């Protein structure tokens, strides 16, 4: 998989200033003023740098935080956690494995019935692939996540 998903200079050069600040400099975008915080469309979210699959809309929920929040990654092997002691607090940073992008943080205050975690992720670190485009974009294997969700797509 590391040959398929990787960080390369051409992709980094195409990032918007906000995507660069978030993914390469561990920035945080404003709450409620980001692309996916209230996206309700079905599909998956991939790393804007590497394209590696990270999260799915089936595990997305409204945490009230103003950032996209998920209960679990779709590919745990594509997400790595590190202790973050910036800003005078201890948090758990979430990064993509192959793109080495800063994604956001994970907190232990998610829905208890879904495992209790809240992956609070910056929209600027993500690219959304709609359910209807999964095969076309090479993510057809993830269609199975939506089979029992009542999707008509």
C-alpha atoms as a PDB file:
ATOM      1  CA  UNK A   1       0.000   0.000   0.000  1.00  0.00           C
ATOM      2  CA  UNK A   2       2.872   2.418   0.647  1.00  0.00           C
ATOM      3  CA  UNK A   3       3.626   2.423  -3.096  1.00  0.00           C
ATOM      4  CA  UNK A   4       0.069   3.518  -3.855  1.00  0.00           C
ATOM      5  CA  UNK A   5      -0.252   6.163  -1.148  1.00  0.00           C
ATOM      6  CA  UNK A   6       2.674   8.483  -0.575  1.00  0.00           C
ATOM      7  CA  UNK A   7       3.738  12.050  -0.041  1.00  0.00           C
ATOM      8  CA  UNK A   8       5.362  13.642  -3.070  1.00  0.00           C
ATOM      9  CA  UNK A   9       6.649  17.164  -3.776  1.00  0.00           C
ATOM     10  CA  UNK A  10       4.217  17.737  -6.684  1.00  0.00           C
ATOM     11  CA  UNK A  11       1.199  17.099  -4.490  1.00  0.00           C
ATOM     12  CA  UNK A  12       2.573  19.326  -1.725  1.00  0.00           C
ATOM     13  CA  UNK A  13       3.103  22.115  -4.279  1.00  0.00           C
ATOM     14  CA  UNK A  14      -0.588  21.911  -5.304  1.00  0.00           C
ATOM     15  CA  UNK A  15      -1.958  22.340  -1.772  1.00  0.00           C
ATOM     16  CA  UNK A  16      -3.813  25.536  -0.981  1.00  0.00           C
ATOM     17  CA  UNK A  17      -2.141  27.722   1.666  1.00  0.00           C
ATOM     18  CA  UNK A  18      -4.676  26.469   4.252  1.00  0.00           C
ATOM     19  CA  UNK A  19      -4.144  22.809   3.316  1.00  0.00           C
ATOM     20  CA  UNK A  20      -0.384  23.316   3.576  1.00  0.00           C
ATOM     21  CA  UNK A  21      -0.648  25.084   6.963  1.00  0.00           C
ATOM     22  CA  UNK A  22      -2.849  22.331   8.391  1.00  0.00           C
ATOM     23  CA  UNK A  23      -1.183  19.224   6.940  1.00  0.00           C
ATOM     24  CA  UNK A  24       2.482  20.276   6.878  1.00  0.00           C
ATOM     25  CA  UNK A  25       2.661  22.726   9.793  1.00  0.00           C
ATOM     26  CA  UNK A  26       0.144  21.042  12.151  1.00  0.00           C
ATOM     27  CA  UNK A  27      -2.290  23.932  11.941  1.00  0.00           C
ATOM     28  CA  UNK A  28      -5.940  24.011  12.921  1.00  0.00           C
ATOM     29  CA  UNK A  29      -8.649  25.554  10.771  1.00  0.00           C
ATOM     30  CA  UNK A  30     -11.497  27.591  12.283  1.00  0.00           C
ATOM     31  CA  UNK A  31     -14.422  25.708  13.778  1.00  0.00           C
ATOM     32  CA  UNK A  32     -17.675  25.920  11.799  1.00  0.00           C
ATOM     33  CA  UNK A  33     -15.802  27.633   8.939  1.00  0.00           C
ATOM     34  CA  UNK A  34     -14.406  24.617   7.140  1.00  0.00           C
ATOM     35  CA  UNK A  35     -15.571  22.558   4.216  1.00  0.00           C
ATOM     36  CA  UNK A  36     -16.788  19.309   5.773  1.00  0.00           C
ATOM     37  CA  UNK A  37     -17.935  20.063   9.327  1.00  0.00           C
ATOM     38  CA  UNK A  38     -21.587  19.708   8.302  1.00  0.00           C
ATOM     39  CA  UNK A  39     -21.278  17.502   5.204  1.00  0.00           C
ATOM     40  CA  UNK A  40     -23.983  14.843   5.333  1.00  0.00           C
ATOM     41  CA  UNK A  41     -23.312  13.241   1.942  1.00  0.00           C
ATOM     42  CA  UNK A  42     -22.333   9.562   1.863  1.00  0.00           C
ATOM     43  CA  UNK A  43     -18.763   8.723   0.907  1.00  0.00           C
ATOM     44  CA  UNK A  44     -15.240   8.461   2.235  1.00  0.00           C
ATOM     45  CA  UNK A  45     -12.627  10.984   3.287  1.00  0.00           C
ATOM     46  CA  UNK A  46      -9.061  10.509   2.068  1.00  0.00           C
ATOM     47  CA  UNK A  47      -5.799  12.277   2.886  1.00  0.00           C
ATOM     48  CA  UNK A  48      -5.501  15.360   0.677  1.00  0.00           C
ATOM     49  CA  UNK A  49      -1.761  14.668   0.324  1.00  0.00           C
ATOM     50  CA  UNK A  50      -1.527  10.906  -0.248  1.00  0.00           C
ATOM     51  CA  UNK A  51      -5.063   9.822  -1.090  1.00  0.00           C
ATOM     52  CA  UNK A  52      -4.975   7.101   1.557  1.00  0.00           C
ATOM     53  CA  UNK A  53      -8.475   6.238   2.869  1.00  0.00           C
ATOM     54  CA  UNK A  54      -9.045   7.588   6.366  1.00  0.00           C
ATOM     55  CA  UNK A  55     -12.694   7.957   7.411  1.00  0.00           C
ATOM     56  CA  UNK A  56     -16.194   7.201   6.115  1.00  0.00           C
ATOM     57  CA  UNK A  57     -19.441   9.097   6.418  1.00  0.00           C
ATOM     58  CA  UNK A  58     -20.967   6.062   8.152  1.00  0.00           C
ATOM     59  CA  UNK A  59     -18.766   6.818  11.196  1.00  0.00           C
ATOM     60  CA  UNK A  60     -19.200  10.617  11.022  1.00  0.00           C
ATOM     61  CA  UNK A  61     -21.372  12.349  13.595  1.00  0.00           C
ATOM     62  CA  UNK A  62     -22.217  15.863  14.757  1.00  0.00           C
ATOM     63  CA  UNK A  63     -20.068  16.401  17.835  1.00  0.00           C
ATOM     64  CA  UNK A  64     -20.978  20.081  18.061  1.00  0.00           C
ATOM     65  CA  UNK A  65     -17.279  20.969  17.796  1.00  0.00           C
ATOM     66  CA  UNK A  66     -17.419  22.588  14.351  1.00  0.00           C
ATOM     67  CA  UNK A  67     -14.994  20.109  12.776  1.00  0.00           C
ATOM     68  CA  UNK A  68     -15.708  16.800  11.072  1.00  0.00           C
ATOM     69  CA  UNK A  69     -15.873  14.158  13.795  1.00  0.00           C
ATOM     70  CA  UNK A  70     -15.635  10.402  13.350  1.00  0.00           C
ATOM     71  CA  UNK A  71     -15.839   7.457  15.730  1.00  0.00           C
ATOM     72  CA  UNK A  72     -13.296   5.246  13.953  1.00  0.00           C
ATOM     73  CA  UNK A  73     -10.931   5.277  10.951  1.00  0.00           C
ATOM     74  CA  UNK A  74     -11.887   3.027   8.018  1.00  0.00           C
ATOM     75  CA  UNK A  75      -8.287   1.817   7.765  1.00  0.00           C
ATOM     76  CA  UNK A  76      -6.666   1.934  11.222  1.00  0.00           C
ATOM     77  CA  UNK A  77      -3.307   1.186   9.585  1.00  0.00           C
ATOM     78  CA  UNK A  78      -3.477   4.508   7.744  1.00  0.00           C
ATOM     79  CA  UNK A  79      -3.694   6.557  10.964  1.00  0.00           C
ATOM     80  CA  UNK A  80      -1.014   7.021  13.587  1.00  0.00           C
ATOM     81  CA  UNK A  81      -1.329   8.769  16.938  1.00  0.00           C
ATOM     82  CA  UNK A  82       1.309  10.875  18.701  1.00  0.00           C
ATOM     83  CA  UNK A  83       1.323  12.742  21.994  1.00  0.00           C
ATOM     84  CA  UNK A  84       0.965  16.489  21.376  1.00  0.00           C
ATOM     85  CA  UNK A  85       2.077  18.847  24.166  1.00  0.00           C
ATOM     86  CA  UNK A  86       1.598  22.099  22.262  1.00  0.00           C
ATOM     87  CA  UNK A  87      -0.406  25.027  23.637  1.00  0.00           C
ATOM     88  CA  UNK A  88       0.153  23.972  27.246  1.00  0.00           C
ATOM     89  CA  UNK A  89      -2.006  20.848  27.088  1.00  0.00           C
ATOM     90  CA  UNK A  90      -1.603  17.155  26.405  1.00  0.00           C
ATOM     91  CA  UNK A  91      -3.576  15.844  23.451  1.00  0.00           C
ATOM     92  CA  UNK A  92      -3.310  12.970  21.001  1.00  0.00           C
ATOM     93  CA  UNK A  93      -2.439  14.118  17.505  1.00  0.00           C
ATOM     94  CA  UNK A  94      -3.693  12.088  14.540  1.00  0.00           C
ATOM     95  CA  UNK A  95      -1.512  11.859  11.395  1.00  0.00           C
ATOM     96  CA  UNK A  96      -1.813   9.899   8.179  1.00  0.00           C
ATOM     97  CA  UNK A  97       0.756   7.136   7.869  1.00  0.00           C
ATOM     98  CA  UNK A  98       1.706   7.396   4.193  1.00  0.00           C
ATOM     99  CA  UNK A  99       1.208  11.136   3.644  1.00  0.00           C
ATOM    100  CA  UNK A 100       2.503  12.128   7.095  1.00  0.00           C
ATOM    101  CA  UNK A 101      -0.222  14.771   7.153  1.00  0.00           C
ATOM    102  CA  UNK A 102      -1.413  16.346  10.368  1.00  0.00           C
ATOM    103  CA  UNK A 103      -5.126  15.475  10.425  1.00  0.00           C
ATOM    104  CA  UNK A 104      -6.320  16.660  13.834  1.00  0.00           C
ATOM    105  CA  UNK A 105      -6.699  15.065  17.256  1.00  0.00           C
ATOM    106  CA  UNK A 106      -8.524  12.177  18.898  1.00  0.00           C
ATOM    107  CA  UNK A 107     -10.372  12.654  22.179  1.00  0.00           C
ATOM    108  CA  UNK A 108     -12.017  10.160  24.578  1.00  0.00           C
ATOM    109  CA  UNK A 109     -15.378  11.993  24.570  1.00  0.00           C
ATOM    110  CA  UNK A 110     -17.060  10.345  21.578  1.00  0.00           C
ATOM    111  CA  UNK A 111     -20.307   8.365  21.637  1.00  0.00           C
ATOM    112  CA  UNK A 112     -19.887   5.577  24.229  1.00  0.00           C
ATOM    113  CA  UNK A 113     -21.973   3.136  22.171  1.00  0.00           C
ATOM    114  CA  UNK A 114     -19.532   3.618  19.262  1.00  0.00           C
ATOM    115  CA  UNK A 115     -16.349   3.063  21.278  1.00  0.00           C
ATOM    116  CA  UNK A 116     -16.056   6.434  23.013  1.00  0.00           C
ATOM    117  CA  UNK A 117     -13.592   8.128  20.646  1.00  0.00           C
ATOM    118  CA  UNK A 118     -13.943  11.385  18.729  1.00  0.00           C
ATOM    119  CA  UNK A 119     -11.545  11.826  15.840  1.00  0.00           C
ATOM    120  CA  UNK A 120     -11.726  15.598  15.407  1.00  0.00           C
ATOM    121  CA  UNK A 121     -10.301  16.187  11.938  1.00  0.00           C
ATOM    122  CA  UNK A 122      -9.480  19.308   9.916  1.00  0.00           C
ATOM    123  CA  UNK A 123     -11.392  19.527   6.629  1.00  0.00           C
ATOM    124  CA  UNK A 124      -8.278  21.002   5.009  1.00  0.00           C
ATOM    125  CA  UNK A 125      -6.518  17.647   5.509  1.00  0.00           C
ATOM    126  CA  UNK A 126      -9.269  15.760   3.704  1.00  0.00           C
ATOM    127  CA  UNK A 127     -10.635  15.183   0.225  1.00  0.00           C
ATOM    128  CA  UNK A 128     -14.164  13.819   0.051  1.00  0.00           C
ATOM    129  CA  UNK A 129     -14.992  11.038  -2.404  1.00  0.00           C
ATOM    130  CA  UNK A 130     -18.786  10.716  -2.855  1.00  0.00           C
ATOM    131  CA  UNK A 131     -20.329   7.243  -2.738  1.00  0.00           C
ATOM    132  CA  UNK A 132     -21.208   7.361  -6.451  1.00  0.00           C
ATOM    133  CA  UNK A 133     -17.554   8.080  -7.350  1.00  0.00           C
ATOM    134  CA  UNK A 134     -15.863   5.378  -5.277  1.00  0.00           C
ATOM    135  CA  UNK A 135     -15.257   2.958  -8.173  1.00  0.00           C
ATOM    136  CA  UNK A 136     -14.252   5.688 -10.602  1.00  0.00           C
ATOM    137  CA  UNK A 137     -11.648   7.013  -8.160  1.00  0.00           C
ATOM    138  CA  UNK A 138     -10.241   3.596  -7.244  1.00  0.00           C
ATOM    139  CA  UNK A 139     -11.942   3.193  -3.862  1.00  0.00           C
ATOM    140  CA  UNK A 140     -14.614   0.675  -4.923  1.00  0.00           C
ATOM    141  CA  UNK A 141     -13.703  -1.743  -2.134  1.00  0.00           C
ATOM    142  CA  UNK A 142     -15.175   0.745   0.356  1.00  0.00           C
ATOM    143  CA  UNK A 143     -18.680   0.554  -1.155  1.00  0.00           C
ATOM    144  CA  UNK A 144     -19.342  -2.373   1.221  1.00  0.00           C
ATOM    145  CA  UNK A 145     -19.355   0.090   4.135  1.00  0.00           C
ATOM    146  CA  UNK A 146     -22.599   1.522   2.799  1.00  0.00           C
ATOM    147  CA  UNK A 147     -24.481  -1.700   2.036  1.00  0.00           C
ATOM    148  CA  UNK A 148     -26.612  -1.674   5.206  1.00  0.00           C
ATOM    149  CA  UNK A 149     -27.008   2.095   5.587  1.00  0.00           C
ATOM    150  CA  UNK A 150     -30.153   2.474   3.509  1.00  0.00           C
ATOM    151  CA  UNK A 151     -28.261   4.136   0.683  1.00  0.00           C
ATOM    152  CA  UNK A 152     -30.039   4.145  -2.648  1.00  0.00           C
ATOM    153  CA  UNK A 153     -26.864   4.884  -4.571  1.00  0.00           C
END
